[in-house]
Amino acid sequence: MSPVSTPIVRRVDRPRLHSWAAIVAGLVVFAGFAPTFYLKGMFGAPDLSPLLLLHGVVMTLWFVLFMVQVRLVAAGRTDLHRRVGVFGAVLFTLLVVVALTTAIDAGRRGASPAPGVPALAFMAIPFTDIAVFGVLVGTALWVRRRSDTHKRLMLLATLSILTPAIARIPLDFIRQAGLPMFFGLTVLAVVVCVVVDSVKNRRLHPAFGWGGALVVASLPLRVMMAGTKTWTQFATWLVA
């Protein structure tokens, strides 16, 4: 009697951490920008310039895309995930260009979201945001065939640009605390994801190790850089 072959069932690695992180990140972005962008008509917010509208649309698309890509992997549709990733690479390039252009425009207009912080000094924050984001996403795209590294770097990249949304959440205890709270909550989001992943896998993944360290270390660095003469001269040249 010939043995009956048992079908091999492939186990799909469902990125639950990434799914929850994508949902929370989306909620944070909506909460932060609802009064001035998503629901600005209900809040009586002033009209936005075409550049700010474009910036809002591009950033929204990034968070939506991240959520879609995570769910595609969770559903086992890695083939479609790769195809959509081509659009993601294009969107990444557009996001960097639009974000930097918006930061320069804000500096030129003398706009600073942080009370008491000069506009040129504040420009150091979005510029560093985009630099860190670019390093993380660029590396993730370079190593896209190594899914374990790719997905962790994409998660860190998305979390690293949450600070502007956090700063605009309409809660007094957040807004009154200022930059330490904004940066602190960003760090908290990164640390929670790294800790949960490390506990689950019983080790710290290298991508979360160096990537998380980059995000955390860049936060005080941008504040220190903003007050330097070199940055002021560079920012002045950009807005001229």
Foldseek 3Di string as FASTA:
>chain_A
DDDDDDDDDDDQDQPPLQLVLLVVLLVLLCLQCCCPAVPVVVNVHDDDDPLVNVLVVLLNVLSVLSNVLSVCSNVVNVVVSVVVVVVVVVSLVVNLVSLLVVLLVCLLVQHDPAPPATSLLRSLVSVLLNVLLCVLQVVLVVVVVVVVLNNLSSSLSSLLPSLSSQCRRPDCVQVVVTLVSSLVVSLVSLVVSQVVVCVVVVHRDVSSVVSSCSSNVSSVVSNVVSPDPVSSVVSVVSND
